Amino acid sequence: MDVGKSSRAADEPTGAKKQNVTVDATEFSISNSGTARELLLTAGSCRLFVGFRKFMKNAIITVLIVLAALFDRQAKAQIYDTNNVQVQTFAGYGIPAYVDGQGQFSAFSGPAQIVSDTASNLFVWDSNNDRVRKITPDGTVSTFAGGGNYFEGYGTNVSLSWSPVSAMAIDHSNALWLVMSSGNYGGSTYLLKIAASGYVSIENGGLTNLSFSSGICFDSANTLFYSGGNRIYGYNPIRKIVQPFAGNGVAANFDGQGTVFCAFSSPTALACDQADNIYVWDSGNGTIRRVDHNQNVTTIAGNGYSYSPADGTGTNASFYAVAGLFTDNAGNVYLACGSSIRRMDAQTNVTTLAGVFYGYGYGNVYANGPGDVARFSNASGGCFSHGTIFVADSGNNRIRSISFGTPAPVASPASLQLATYPGVQITGAVGRTYQVQSSPNMTNWATVATVLLNSTPLLWIDQSPVSGNKFYRAVMLP
């Protein structure tokens, strides 16, 4: 795209002071001679040189053109899945809090990890509430463990606030396993086990190279695999034995077999498929590696750490950051990438299911809808359960669902209810503006907010409720 020419040599003042800053592939050069300011912007083939002498309007137009070029390039880097992907909010109303309840009438604070058991119950590590929350298939949210005072015991009698949790997985007996890194109790990183009965126990502490950055997963034999020390380890929970499984422990990048002839660099997130292949986010190399049951290590996607993620096949794809990996029963691997959810099929074709590539978390953005419309904020974990993907959208304090074809049902309570919060659920037309009003008596109404509906239903909570105002309603504006 040719939108301008650089006349730098002719126009640049003698003795001008210049500063060059490169962000991704965009170079910003600012020169200041005391009497003139100049800005050179380069975005791919788009090169512009603008003087800030008299007209700021020209500068604004130039910046908008460059931003358009950058967004165009980012759009071309994404290949969206065409299988009618739909994103909805399954649980949580978006405000960081701790409320058990139904669907969007519950509250989380920084949900970071999510797994599913064989009965389609979801279990969420609610990081800022230091609890494991359980969500039944109909959207009922309850507290499964945490909030008590003991290190070991049943469910809510146990405290989970003594150590941050960095990873969570579920084994084939429906027991939850958490990686907890404690700075208060010896500084060790622990495996915490929560049985299906809710009994919480410290399984093991001080496993070789287990750390806060370790990912964990289970194979069909219930062997726990974890990453650490530039290696993948296997741990037998029954025999309490840990052994290196892949990688020689040196930070490097080469494929091979076993614990000598291959190398990783800071592997973190792990996932295991039904064929017992282990998938590794090799964060230091910016690649997805596969380790089969014979310990053969193969790079299957990614071409090095990149600030410009791109979809594509195998090593033509690139990744900026991957917070979580999970698989389905059809050989697909899913990647939770902060602002997007991506999928790699069995042929290593990498596409975007939902979200965008605006960096890892990209602030507090939220929208439901088709894949290219949906927005996430620090999506850090996910799982696949009976045809639906569930995502821990940590920055939005919500659990999101991704379905294919018909949108997944959104859990909601009965039509008549007694609300225990100051606010209103708005069910209406996406893209329209609504006026939220409150009243002490359902006669005298006062406007308290104007809301653009970016998803439906939307739970709006009054952050500054007026004493005596017990009723809320939403009116669509023309």
Protein backbone atom coordinates (compact mmCIF):
# COMPACT_ATOMS: atom_id res chain seq x y z
CA MET A 1 0.00 0.00 0.00
CA ASP A 2 1.66 3.26 -1.18
CA VAL A 3 0.24 6.10 0.85
CA GLY A 4 3.17 8.46 0.98
CA LYS A 5 6.83 9.10 0.30
CA SER A 6 9.66 9.80 2.62
CA SER A 7 11.39 13.12 1.95
CA ARG A 8 13.55 12.73 4.96
CA ALA A 9 16.81 13.90 3.43
CA ALA A 10 15.29 17.11 2.09
CA ASP A 11 13.05 17.99 4.99
CA GLU A 12 14.98 16.89 8.03
CA PRO A 13 16.50 19.86 9.90
CA THR A 14 20.22 19.96 10.30
CA GLY A 15 21.32 18.79 13.73
CA ALA A 16 17.95 17.29 14.54
CA LYS A 17 17.84 14.97 17.52
CA LYS A 18 16.30 11.65 16.64
CA GLN A 19 14.95 8.72 18.61
CA ASN A 20 14.04 5.42 16.98
CA VAL A 21 11.73 2.93 18.63
CA THR A 22 10.73 -0.36 17.03
CA VAL A 23 7.63 -2.13 18.26
CA ASP A 24 6.99 -5.43 16.46
CA ALA A 25 7.59 -4.55 12.77
CA THR A 26 6.63 -0.91 13.21
CA GLU A 27 9.43 1.64 13.46
CA PHE A 28 8.73 5.01 15.05
CA SER A 29 11.33 7.73 14.50
CA ILE A 30 10.88 11.16 16.12
CA SER A 31 13.25 14.05 15.40
CA ASN A 32 13.19 17.38 17.18
CA SER A 33 15.24 20.40 16.04
CA GLY A 34 13.62 22.86 18.41
CA THR A 35 11.58 24.46 15.64
CA ALA A 36 10.11 21.36 13.99
CA ARG A 37 8.90 17.93 14.98
CA GLU A 38 8.84 15.10 12.51
CA LEU A 39 7.50 11.57 12.65
CA LEU A 40 8.51 8.67 10.44
CA LEU A 41 6.36 5.54 10.62
CA THR A 42 7.00 2.27 8.85
CA ALA A 43 4.49 -0.60 8.85
CA GLY A 44 5.43 -3.34 6.43
CA SER A 45 5.35 -1.68 3.00
CA CYS A 46 3.63 1.39 4.40
CA ARG A 47 6.16 4.24 4.95
CA LEU A 48 5.14 7.73 5.96
CA PHE A 49 6.98 10.92 6.90
CA VAL A 50 4.98 13.70 8.51
CA GLY A 51 5.92 17.13 9.84
CA PHE A 52 4.29 18.47 12.99
CA ARG A 53 4.94 22.11 12.12
CA LYS A 54 1.51 23.61 11.64
CA PHE A 55 -1.22 21.06 11.22
CA MET A 56 -1.80 18.38 13.86
CA LYS A 57 -4.74 17.22 11.76
CA ASN A 58 -2.36 15.76 9.17
CA ALA A 59 -0.50 13.87 11.89
CA ILE A 60 -3.71 12.37 13.24
CA ILE A 61 -4.75 11.23 9.77
CA THR A 62 -1.31 9.71 9.19
CA VAL A 63 -1.40 7.77 12.45
CA LEU A 64 -4.86 6.46 11.62
CA ILE A 65 -3.61 5.27 8.21
CA VAL A 66 -0.68 3.46 9.83
CA LEU A 67 -2.94 1.87 12.44
CA ALA A 68 -5.20 0.69 9.64
CA ALA A 69 -2.21 -0.92 7.95
CA LEU A 70 -1.23 -2.66 11.16
CA PHE A 71 -4.76 -3.96 11.78
CA ASP A 72 -4.92 -5.16 8.17
CA ARG A 73 -1.71 -7.10 8.64
CA GLN A 74 -2.97 -8.59 11.91
CA ALA A 75 -6.22 -9.65 10.26
CA LYS A 76 -4.31 -11.44 7.49
CA ALA A 77 -2.31 -13.33 10.14
CA GLN A 78 -5.48 -14.88 11.56
CA ILE A 79 -7.38 -17.72 9.91
CA TYR A 80 -10.73 -18.09 11.62
CA ASP A 81 -12.45 -21.42 12.01
CA THR A 82 -15.48 -21.61 9.71
CA ASN A 83 -17.48 -24.17 11.70
CA ASN A 84 -20.01 -21.60 13.00
CA VAL A 85 -18.15 -20.93 16.24
CA GLN A 86 -20.26 -19.21 18.91
CA VAL A 87 -18.95 -17.78 22.19
CA GLN A 88 -21.23 -17.25 25.18
CA THR A 89 -20.86 -16.58 28.89
CA PHE A 90 -21.61 -19.73 30.85
CA ALA A 91 -21.02 -18.54 34.41
CA GLY A 92 -19.95 -15.41 36.28
CA TYR A 93 -21.28 -11.88 35.95
CA GLY A 94 -17.92 -10.23 35.37
CA ILE A 95 -17.32 -8.36 38.59
CA PRO A 96 -14.57 -9.88 40.79
CA ALA A 97 -16.36 -11.34 43.79
CA TYR A 98 -17.21 -14.60 45.50
CA VAL A 99 -20.81 -15.71 44.96
CA ASP A 100 -22.15 -19.22 44.51
CA GLY A 101 -25.27 -19.33 42.36
CA GLN A 102 -26.72 -20.11 38.98
CA GLY A 103 -24.88 -19.32 35.75
CA GLN A 104 -24.36 -15.59 35.33
CA PHE A 105 -25.73 -14.97 38.83
CA SER A 106 -22.50 -16.31 40.31
CA ALA A 107 -19.18 -14.55 40.72
CA PHE A 108 -15.50 -15.43 40.31
CA SER A 109 -12.32 -13.46 40.85
CA GLY A 110 -9.57 -14.34 38.43
CA PRO A 111 -10.59 -17.87 37.35
CA ALA A 112 -7.33 -19.25 35.99
CA GLN A 113 -7.65 -23.00 35.40
CA ILE A 114 -10.56 -25.23 34.37
CA VAL A 115 -11.00 -28.99 33.88
CA SER A 116 -13.95 -31.34 33.33
CA ASP A 117 -14.76 -34.71 34.89
CA THR A 118 -16.45 -37.69 33.25
CA ALA A 119 -19.91 -36.42 34.29
CA SER A 120 -19.37 -33.04 32.55
CA ASN A 121 -18.92 -31.16 35.81
CA LEU A 122 -16.44 -28.31 35.54
CA PHE A 123 -13.87 -27.49 38.21
CA VAL A 124 -12.35 -24.02 38.27
CA TRP A 125 -9.35 -22.73 40.17
CA ASP A 126 -10.68 -19.34 41.33
CA SER A 127 -7.30 -17.77 41.99
CA ASN A 128 -8.16 -14.60 43.88
CA ASN A 129 -10.71 -16.40 46.03
CA ASP A 130 -8.29 -19.29 46.75
CA ARG A 131 -10.99 -21.86 46.09
CA VAL A 132 -11.89 -24.62 43.69
CA ARG A 133 -15.38 -23.98 42.33
CA LYS A 134 -17.61 -26.64 40.82
CA ILE A 135 -20.05 -25.97 37.98
CA THR A 136 -22.65 -28.60 37.11
CA PRO A 137 -23.85 -29.02 33.50
CA ASP A 138 -26.90 -26.82 34.21
CA GLY A 139 -24.63 -23.96 35.35
CA THR A 140 -24.98 -24.28 39.12
CA VAL A 141 -21.84 -22.91 40.79
CA SER A 142 -20.75 -24.10 44.24
CA THR A 143 -17.55 -24.21 46.25
CA PHE A 144 -15.85 -27.60 46.06
CA ALA A 145 -12.74 -26.93 48.17
CA GLY A 146 -11.09 -24.07 50.00
CA GLY A 147 -12.15 -21.39 52.43
CA GLY A 148 -11.39 -23.34 55.61
CA ASN A 149 -8.49 -23.48 58.05
CA TYR A 150 -6.79 -26.85 57.64
CA PHE A 151 -4.05 -28.11 55.31
CA GLU A 152 -5.78 -31.45 54.77
CA GLY A 153 -9.37 -32.55 55.13
CA TYR A 154 -12.64 -32.37 53.26
CA GLY A 155 -13.76 -29.66 50.89
CA THR A 156 -14.46 -26.30 52.43
CA ASN A 157 -12.77 -27.23 55.73
CA VAL A 158 -9.43 -26.89 53.98
CA SER A 159 -7.51 -23.70 53.29
CA LEU A 160 -6.01 -23.29 49.81
CA SER A 161 -4.72 -19.78 50.47
CA TRP A 162 -1.32 -20.84 51.79
CA SER A 163 0.18 -21.13 48.32
CA PRO A 164 -0.57 -19.89 44.78
CA VAL A 165 -1.72 -22.47 42.22
CA SER A 166 -0.03 -22.44 38.82
CA ALA A 167 -1.53 -25.52 37.12
CA MET A 168 -4.40 -27.96 37.52
CA ALA A 169 -5.29 -31.28 35.90
CA ILE A 170 -7.77 -34.09 36.46
CA ASP A 171 -6.89 -37.79 36.40
CA HIS A 172 -8.97 -40.77 35.28
CA SER A 173 -10.42 -41.28 38.75
CA ASN A 174 -11.79 -37.71 38.63
CA ALA A 175 -9.26 -36.52 41.21
CA LEU A 176 -7.96 -32.99 40.84
CA TRP A 177 -4.25 -32.26 41.00
CA LEU A 178 -2.86 -28.78 41.64
CA VAL A 179 0.68 -27.42 41.47
CA MET A 180 1.17 -25.17 44.50
CA SER A 181 4.34 -23.18 45.03
CA SER A 182 4.84 -22.22 48.63
CA GLY A 183 7.12 -19.45 49.79
CA ASN A 184 5.91 -19.86 53.37
CA TYR A 185 6.44 -23.56 54.04
CA GLY A 186 9.98 -24.45 53.06
CA GLY A 187 9.77 -22.84 49.64
CA SER A 188 8.91 -26.15 47.97
CA THR A 189 6.48 -26.68 45.13
CA TYR A 190 3.80 -29.21 46.02
CA LEU A 191 1.34 -31.46 44.28
CA LEU A 192 -2.02 -31.15 45.98
CA LYS A 193 -4.64 -33.86 45.35
CA ILE A 194 -8.39 -33.35 45.74
CA ALA A 195 -10.21 -36.67 45.43
CA ALA A 196 -13.65 -36.97 43.85
CA SER A 197 -15.01 -37.22 47.40
CA GLY A 198 -13.58 -33.76 48.11
CA TYR A 199 -10.78 -34.98 50.38
CA VAL A 200 -7.74 -32.71 50.08
CA SER A 201 -4.23 -34.01 50.72
CA ILE A 202 -0.67 -32.91 50.06
CA GLU A 203 0.53 -35.57 47.64
CA ASN A 204 4.18 -34.77 47.28
CA GLY A 205 6.58 -31.92 47.78
CA GLY A 206 10.00 -31.32 46.34
CA LEU A 207 9.67 -33.35 43.14
CA THR A 208 12.69 -32.88 40.89
CA ASN A 209 12.43 -29.52 39.08
CA LEU A 210 8.70 -29.13 39.82
CA SER A 211 8.15 -25.38 39.92
CA PHE A 212 5.56 -22.64 39.67
CA SER A 213 5.92 -22.64 35.89
CA SER A 214 5.37 -26.39 35.54
CA GLY A 215 2.46 -27.73 33.51
CA ILE A 216 0.86 -31.09 34.29
CA CYS A 217 -1.24 -33.71 32.49
CA PHE A 218 -2.20 -37.39 32.75
CA ASP A 219 -1.93 -40.23 30.25
CA SER A 220 -4.29 -43.21 29.98
CA ALA A 221 -2.33 -45.12 32.65
CA ASN A 222 -2.80 -42.26 35.13
CA THR A 223 0.86 -41.32 34.99
CA LEU A 224 1.32 -37.66 35.81
CA PHE A 225 3.66 -35.77 33.49
CA TYR A 226 5.08 -32.40 34.40
CA SER A 227 7.48 -29.89 32.86
CA GLY A 228 10.48 -28.42 34.61
CA GLY A 229 14.23 -27.96 34.33
CA ASN A 230 14.05 -28.01 30.51
CA ARG A 231 12.67 -31.54 30.73
CA ILE A 232 9.43 -33.52 30.82
CA TYR A 233 9.13 -35.85 33.81
CA GLY A 234 6.84 -38.79 34.53
CA TYR A 235 5.54 -39.35 38.07
CA ASN A 236 3.78 -42.50 39.29
CA PRO A 237 1.40 -41.39 42.08
CA ILE A 238 1.03 -44.91 43.44
CA ARG A 239 4.70 -45.88 43.60
CA LYS A 240 5.82 -42.29 44.33
CA ILE A 241 8.54 -42.53 41.69
CA VAL A 242 9.60 -39.70 39.37
CA GLN A 243 11.74 -40.24 36.26
CA PRO A 244 12.91 -38.02 33.37
CA PHE A 245 10.87 -38.78 30.25
CA ALA A 246 12.13 -36.41 27.54
CA GLY A 247 14.77 -33.72 27.20
CA ASN A 248 18.39 -33.63 28.31
CA GLY A 249 17.98 -30.71 30.70
CA VAL A 250 20.00 -28.24 28.60
CA ALA A 251 18.16 -25.17 27.30
CA ALA A 252 18.29 -25.79 23.56
CA ASN A 253 16.11 -26.71 20.60
CA PHE A 254 16.48 -29.99 18.77
CA ASP A 255 14.22 -32.96 18.15
CA GLY A 256 15.19 -36.51 18.98
CA GLN A 257 14.47 -39.31 21.37
CA GLY A 258 14.51 -39.80 25.12
CA THR A 259 16.50 -37.92 27.72
CA VAL A 260 19.75 -37.43 25.78
CA PHE A 261 19.10 -36.70 22.12
CA CYS A 262 16.51 -33.91 22.35
CA ALA A 263 16.24 -30.58 24.12
CA PHE A 264 13.65 -28.07 25.34
CA SER A 265 13.93 -24.51 26.56
CA SER A 266 11.61 -23.59 29.45
CA PRO A 267 8.69 -25.94 28.64
CA THR A 268 5.53 -24.99 30.52
CA ALA A 269 1.95 -25.96 29.56
CA LEU A 270 1.20 -29.64 28.81
CA ALA A 271 -1.70 -31.68 27.42
CA CYS A 272 -2.18 -35.36 26.61
CA ASP A 273 -4.40 -36.86 23.89
CA GLN A 274 -6.17 -40.23 23.75
CA ALA A 275 -3.18 -41.82 22.01
CA ASP A 276 -0.94 -40.77 24.93
CA ASN A 277 0.92 -38.15 22.93
CA ILE A 278 2.06 -35.30 25.16
CA TYR A 279 1.93 -31.79 23.73
CA VAL A 280 4.33 -29.21 25.13
CA TRP A 281 4.41 -25.44 24.90
CA ASP A 282 8.17 -24.97 24.66
CA SER A 283 8.08 -21.34 25.69
CA GLY A 284 11.78 -20.57 25.28
CA ASN A 285 11.69 -21.80 21.69
CA GLY A 286 8.19 -20.53 20.83
CA THR A 287 7.11 -23.94 19.52
CA ILE A 288 4.63 -26.74 20.13
CA ARG A 289 6.46 -30.05 20.62
CA ARG A 290 4.94 -33.53 20.62
CA VAL A 291 6.31 -36.40 22.72
CA ASP A 292 4.93 -39.83 21.82
CA HIS A 293 4.81 -42.83 24.17
CA ASN A 294 8.18 -43.99 22.80
CA GLN A 295 9.71 -40.68 23.94
CA ASN A 296 10.23 -39.33 20.43
CA VAL A 297 10.17 -35.52 20.44
CA THR A 298 8.98 -33.67 17.32
CA THR A 299 8.40 -29.97 16.68
CA ILE A 300 4.96 -29.77 15.07
CA ALA A 301 4.09 -26.05 15.13
CA GLY A 302 5.72 -22.68 15.63
CA ASN A 303 8.92 -21.17 14.33
CA GLY A 304 10.32 -19.26 17.25
CA TYR A 305 9.05 -16.79 19.82
CA SER A 306 7.16 -14.05 17.97
CA TYR A 307 5.51 -10.75 18.80
CA SER A 308 3.44 -11.28 15.64
CA PRO A 309 1.38 -14.47 16.05
CA ALA A 310 0.15 -16.04 12.83
CA ASP A 311 -2.06 -18.98 11.92
CA GLY A 312 -0.84 -21.50 9.38
CA THR A 313 0.30 -25.08 8.98
CA GLY A 314 2.96 -26.53 11.25
CA THR A 315 6.07 -24.41 11.51
CA ASN A 316 4.46 -21.70 9.35
CA ALA A 317 2.34 -20.82 12.39
CA SER A 318 3.76 -18.63 15.15
CA PHE A 319 2.87 -17.93 18.76
CA TYR A 320 3.38 -15.08 21.17
CA ALA A 321 2.35 -16.76 24.42
CA VAL A 322 0.41 -19.87 25.40
CA ALA A 323 -1.06 -20.07 28.90
CA GLY A 324 -2.80 -23.43 28.60
CA LEU A 325 -3.16 -26.49 26.37
CA PHE A 326 -5.99 -29.02 26.20
CA THR A 327 -7.25 -31.66 23.78
CA ASP A 328 -10.50 -33.18 22.54
CA ASN A 329 -11.28 -36.76 21.48
CA ALA A 330 -10.70 -36.05 17.76
CA GLY A 331 -7.00 -35.30 17.88
CA ASN A 332 -7.32 -31.51 18.10
CA VAL A 333 -5.11 -29.49 20.43
CA TYR A 334 -6.43 -26.17 21.78
CA LEU A 335 -4.34 -23.25 22.98
CA ALA A 336 -5.45 -20.59 25.45
CA CYS A 337 -3.49 -17.53 24.32
CA GLY A 338 -4.78 -14.71 26.49
CA SER A 339 -6.76 -12.73 23.94
CA SER A 340 -7.58 -15.69 21.69
CA ILE A 341 -8.35 -19.40 21.64
CA ARG A 342 -6.57 -21.29 18.86
CA ARG A 343 -6.87 -24.83 17.54
CA MET A 344 -4.31 -27.16 15.95
CA ASP A 345 -5.83 -30.16 14.16
CA ALA A 346 -4.25 -33.56 13.62
CA GLN A 347 -2.62 -32.27 10.40
CA THR A 348 -1.04 -29.40 12.40
CA ASN A 349 -3.22 -26.74 10.77
CA VAL A 350 -3.40 -23.88 13.27
CA THR A 351 -6.48 -21.64 13.16
CA THR A 352 -8.19 -19.16 15.48
CA LEU A 353 -11.43 -20.32 17.08
CA ALA A 354 -12.22 -17.03 18.76
CA GLY A 355 -10.65 -13.76 19.79
CA VAL A 356 -7.86 -11.65 18.34
CA PHE A 357 -4.06 -11.37 18.37
CA TYR A 358 -3.77 -8.02 20.18
CA GLY A 359 -1.04 -9.28 22.47
CA TYR A 360 -1.40 -11.69 25.35
CA GLY A 361 -4.17 -10.26 27.52
CA TYR A 362 -5.02 -6.98 25.74
CA GLY A 363 -6.66 -5.25 28.66
CA ASN A 364 -10.20 -5.57 29.85
CA VAL A 365 -12.16 -6.46 26.71
CA TYR A 366 -15.26 -8.61 26.57
CA ALA A 367 -17.75 -9.60 23.90
CA ASN A 368 -19.79 -12.67 23.03
CA GLY A 369 -20.79 -13.78 19.55
CA PRO A 370 -19.13 -15.45 16.55
CA GLY A 371 -15.44 -16.30 16.79
CA ASP A 372 -14.17 -13.18 15.04
CA VAL A 373 -16.42 -10.96 17.18
CA ALA A 374 -15.78 -12.54 20.58
CA ARG A 375 -13.19 -10.97 22.88
CA PHE A 376 -11.26 -12.37 25.83
CA SER A 377 -9.12 -10.83 28.53
CA ASN A 378 -6.32 -13.08 29.77
CA ALA A 379 -7.93 -16.40 28.82
CA SER A 380 -5.56 -18.67 30.73
CA GLY A 381 -7.08 -22.16 30.69
CA GLY A 382 -9.64 -24.33 28.95
CA CYS A 383 -11.13 -27.79 28.63
CA PHE A 384 -13.30 -29.79 26.24
CA SER A 385 -16.47 -31.41 27.55
CA HIS A 386 -19.08 -33.23 25.46
CA GLY A 387 -18.70 -31.13 22.35
CA THR A 388 -18.26 -27.75 24.04
CA ILE A 389 -15.13 -25.83 24.95
CA PHE A 390 -15.06 -24.00 28.27
CA VAL A 391 -12.57 -21.21 28.90
CA ALA A 392 -11.35 -19.62 32.11
CA ASP A 393 -11.49 -15.96 31.04
CA SER A 394 -9.49 -14.68 33.97
CA GLY A 395 -9.45 -10.97 33.16
CA ASN A 396 -13.22 -10.91 32.63
CA ASN A 397 -13.95 -13.02 35.75
CA ARG A 398 -16.14 -15.30 33.67
CA ILE A 399 -16.34 -18.86 32.39
CA ARG A 400 -17.00 -18.72 28.65
CA SER A 401 -18.35 -21.47 26.39
CA ILE A 402 -17.39 -22.05 22.76
CA SER A 403 -19.81 -24.18 20.76
CA PHE A 404 -20.02 -25.22 17.14
CA GLY A 405 -23.22 -24.76 15.17
CA THR A 406 -25.98 -24.05 17.70
CA PRO A 407 -24.86 -21.75 20.53
CA ALA A 408 -24.56 -23.41 23.92
CA PRO A 409 -27.46 -22.59 26.23
CA VAL A 410 -26.78 -19.80 28.68
CA ALA A 411 -27.69 -20.78 32.21
CA SER A 412 -30.27 -18.44 33.74
CA PRO A 413 -32.66 -18.62 36.70
CA ALA A 414 -36.43 -18.62 36.67
CA SER A 415 -38.33 -15.59 35.35
CA LEU A 416 -39.46 -14.53 38.82
CA GLN A 417 -36.77 -14.27 41.46
CA LEU A 418 -35.54 -12.28 44.42
CA ALA A 419 -32.24 -10.72 43.43
CA THR A 420 -29.56 -10.37 46.10
CA TYR A 421 -27.58 -7.74 44.21
CA PRO A 422 -28.22 -4.16 43.07
CA GLY A 423 -28.65 -4.43 39.32
CA VAL A 424 -30.58 -5.88 36.42
CA GLN A 425 -30.13 -8.55 33.77
CA ILE A 426 -30.60 -7.06 30.31
CA THR A 427 -31.87 -9.39 27.60
CA GLY A 428 -32.21 -7.56 24.34
CA ALA A 429 -30.73 -6.65 20.98
CA VAL A 430 -26.94 -6.72 20.71
CA GLY A 431 -25.61 -3.41 19.44
CA ARG A 432 -28.47 -1.33 20.87
CA THR A 433 -28.18 1.14 23.73
CA TYR A 434 -30.18 0.71 26.94
CA GLN A 435 -30.88 3.12 29.77
CA VAL A 436 -30.70 1.58 33.24
CA GLN A 437 -33.05 3.13 35.76
CA SER A 438 -33.56 2.60 39.50
CA SER A 439 -36.44 3.36 41.83
CA PRO A 440 -37.35 3.08 45.51
CA ASN A 441 -41.03 2.37 44.80
CA MET A 442 -41.45 1.37 41.12
CA THR A 443 -43.14 4.74 40.52
CA ASN A 444 -40.37 7.30 40.50
CA TRP A 445 -37.53 6.21 38.19
CA ALA A 446 -34.09 7.81 37.85
CA THR A 447 -31.47 7.06 35.20
CA VAL A 448 -28.29 5.58 36.65
CA ALA A 449 -26.43 4.36 33.55
CA THR A 450 -26.45 4.05 29.77
CA VAL A 451 -25.25 0.68 28.48
CA LEU A 452 -24.29 -0.47 24.98
CA LEU A 453 -25.35 -4.12 24.84
CA ASN A 454 -22.40 -6.10 23.47
CA SER A 455 -23.82 -9.50 24.47
CA THR A 456 -27.11 -10.87 25.70
CA PRO A 457 -28.10 -11.50 28.40
CA LEU A 458 -25.94 -8.95 30.20
CA LEU A 459 -25.86 -8.68 33.98
CA TRP A 460 -25.43 -5.03 34.96
CA ILE A 461 -24.42 -4.32 38.57
CA ASP A 462 -24.78 -0.89 40.19
CA GLN A 463 -21.35 0.00 41.55
CA SER A 464 -22.71 2.97 43.54
CA PRO A 465 -26.20 1.98 44.67
CA VAL A 466 -28.33 4.66 46.28
CA SER A 467 -29.79 3.70 49.63
CA GLY A 468 -33.50 2.95 49.30
CA ASN A 469 -33.45 2.17 45.59
CA LYS A 470 -34.68 -1.42 45.51
CA PHE A 471 -35.79 -1.78 41.90
CA TYR A 472 -34.01 -1.65 38.56
CA ARG A 473 -35.15 -1.75 34.95
CA ALA A 474 -33.60 -1.33 31.49
CA VAL A 475 -35.24 0.66 28.68
CA MET A 476 -34.01 0.44 25.08
CA LEU A 477 -33.26 3.84 23.59
CA PRO A 478 -34.44 4.70 20.05
